[in-house]
């Protein structure tokens, strides 16, 4: 199993454990309420969405990464397409970031 799949599996695990917030509104709310430990934005998300979350995460000092397609992210969460999600569990967020660092393809920004 490749690392990309491991990341998607971890997102699925986090979702089943009710440790994710998905969709633009919920993700934004999780960041603003300081619950988000990691924000994942789809590589297919619009420039506006990426910019909005980049600014938001920089301001609230939440790690952000750009990963996967909307279909992929949604599918891993057992939902329709998702352009953004927040992981609200520190341990799961760290596990996902660890896999992301191994992939090396994500623009992972830790501030």
Protein backbone atom coordinates (compact mmCIF):
# COMPACT_ATOMS: atom_id res chain seq x y z
CA UNK A 1 0.00 0.00 0.00
CA UNK A 2 1.41 3.37 -0.94
CA UNK A 3 1.64 6.37 1.35
CA UNK A 4 -1.02 8.23 -0.56
CA UNK A 5 -3.48 5.44 0.22
CA UNK A 6 -2.32 5.44 3.86
CA UNK A 7 -3.18 9.14 4.12
CA UNK A 8 -6.65 8.49 2.67
CA UNK A 9 -7.13 5.56 5.07
CA UNK A 10 -6.16 7.76 8.02
CA UNK A 11 -8.65 10.40 6.87
CA UNK A 12 -11.29 7.65 6.74
CA UNK A 13 -10.31 6.47 10.21
CA UNK A 14 -10.45 10.02 11.57
CA UNK A 15 -13.89 10.47 9.99
CA UNK A 16 -15.26 7.27 11.51
CA UNK A 17 -13.90 8.40 14.88
CA UNK A 18 -15.77 11.69 14.34
CA UNK A 19 -12.48 13.59 14.40
CA UNK A 20 -12.93 15.50 11.16
CA UNK A 21 -14.91 18.49 9.98
CA UNK A 22 -15.46 18.65 6.24
CA UNK A 23 -16.78 21.12 3.76
CA UNK A 24 -15.77 24.75 3.60
CA UNK A 25 -18.03 26.04 6.37
CA UNK A 26 -17.26 23.31 8.93
CA UNK A 27 -13.53 23.38 8.19
CA UNK A 28 -13.43 27.14 8.64
CA UNK A 29 -15.41 26.85 11.88
CA UNK A 30 -13.01 24.18 13.23
CA UNK A 31 -10.02 26.44 12.53
CA UNK A 32 -11.61 29.54 14.05
CA UNK A 33 -12.71 27.67 17.17
CA UNK A 34 -9.11 26.40 17.48
CA UNK A 35 -10.19 22.76 17.24
CA UNK A 36 -8.39 22.00 13.97
CA UNK A 37 -4.97 20.31 14.25
CA UNK A 38 -4.54 19.99 10.50
CA UNK A 39 -6.36 21.30 7.44
CA UNK A 40 -6.30 19.37 4.19
CA UNK A 41 -7.38 21.17 1.04
CA UNK A 42 -7.87 19.31 -2.22
CA UNK A 43 -5.34 19.98 -4.97
CA UNK A 44 -8.40 20.54 -7.19
CA UNK A 45 -9.86 23.24 -4.95
CA UNK A 46 -10.28 26.67 -6.51
CA UNK A 47 -7.55 29.28 -6.15
CA UNK A 48 -9.90 31.29 -3.94
CA UNK A 49 -10.52 28.36 -1.60
CA UNK A 50 -6.79 27.60 -1.35
CA UNK A 51 -5.98 31.24 -0.66
CA UNK A 52 -8.72 31.58 1.93
CA UNK A 53 -7.58 28.50 3.85
CA UNK A 54 -3.90 29.38 3.51
CA UNK A 55 -4.55 32.80 5.03
CA UNK A 56 -6.85 31.38 7.71
CA UNK A 57 -4.39 28.65 8.70
CA UNK A 58 -1.45 31.05 8.72
CA UNK A 59 -3.37 33.39 11.00
CA UNK A 60 -4.49 30.65 13.39
CA UNK A 61 -1.17 28.77 13.08
CA UNK A 62 -2.74 25.54 11.86
CA UNK A 63 -0.71 23.27 9.56
CA UNK A 64 -2.21 23.06 6.08
CA UNK A 65 -1.50 20.78 3.16
CA UNK A 66 -2.80 20.38 -0.35
CA UNK A 67 -3.57 16.78 -1.08
CA UNK A 68 -5.67 14.61 -3.35
CA UNK A 69 -8.63 15.22 -5.57
CA UNK A 70 -12.08 16.24 -4.35
CA UNK A 71 -13.46 12.80 -5.26
CA UNK A 72 -10.60 11.05 -3.42
CA UNK A 73 -11.05 13.09 -0.25
CA UNK A 74 -14.81 12.72 -0.30
CA UNK A 75 -14.59 8.99 -0.99
CA UNK A 76 -12.14 8.44 1.88
CA UNK A 77 -14.69 10.08 4.19
CA UNK A 78 -17.61 8.12 2.77
CA UNK A 79 -19.14 11.31 1.39
CA UNK A 80 -19.56 13.21 -1.85
CA UNK A 81 -16.77 15.42 -3.15
CA UNK A 82 -14.92 17.38 -0.51
CA UNK A 83 -12.57 20.29 -1.25
CA UNK A 84 -11.51 20.80 2.37
CA UNK A 85 -11.47 19.09 5.73
CA UNK A 86 -10.03 19.64 9.17
CA UNK A 87 -8.65 16.94 11.45
CA UNK A 88 -9.55 17.77 15.04
CA UNK A 89 -7.47 15.11 16.76
CA UNK A 90 -3.79 15.78 17.45
CA UNK A 91 -2.65 12.15 17.20
CA UNK A 92 -4.44 11.52 13.91
CA UNK A 93 -3.26 14.86 12.52
CA UNK A 94 0.35 13.93 13.36
CA UNK A 95 -0.02 10.50 11.78
CA UNK A 96 -1.38 12.06 8.58
CA UNK A 97 1.38 14.70 8.49
CA UNK A 98 3.99 11.98 8.97
CA UNK A 99 2.68 10.17 5.89
CA UNK A 100 2.51 13.46 3.98
CA UNK A 101 6.15 14.17 4.75
CA UNK A 102 7.05 10.73 3.42
CA UNK A 103 5.13 11.43 0.20
CA UNK A 104 6.99 14.69 -0.11
CA UNK A 105 4.62 15.85 -2.83
CA UNK A 106 2.42 17.92 -0.58
CA UNK A 107 3.10 21.55 0.11
CA UNK A 108 3.09 21.05 3.82
CA UNK A 109 3.42 24.29 5.72
CA UNK A 110 4.01 24.23 9.43
CA UNK A 111 3.96 27.63 11.05
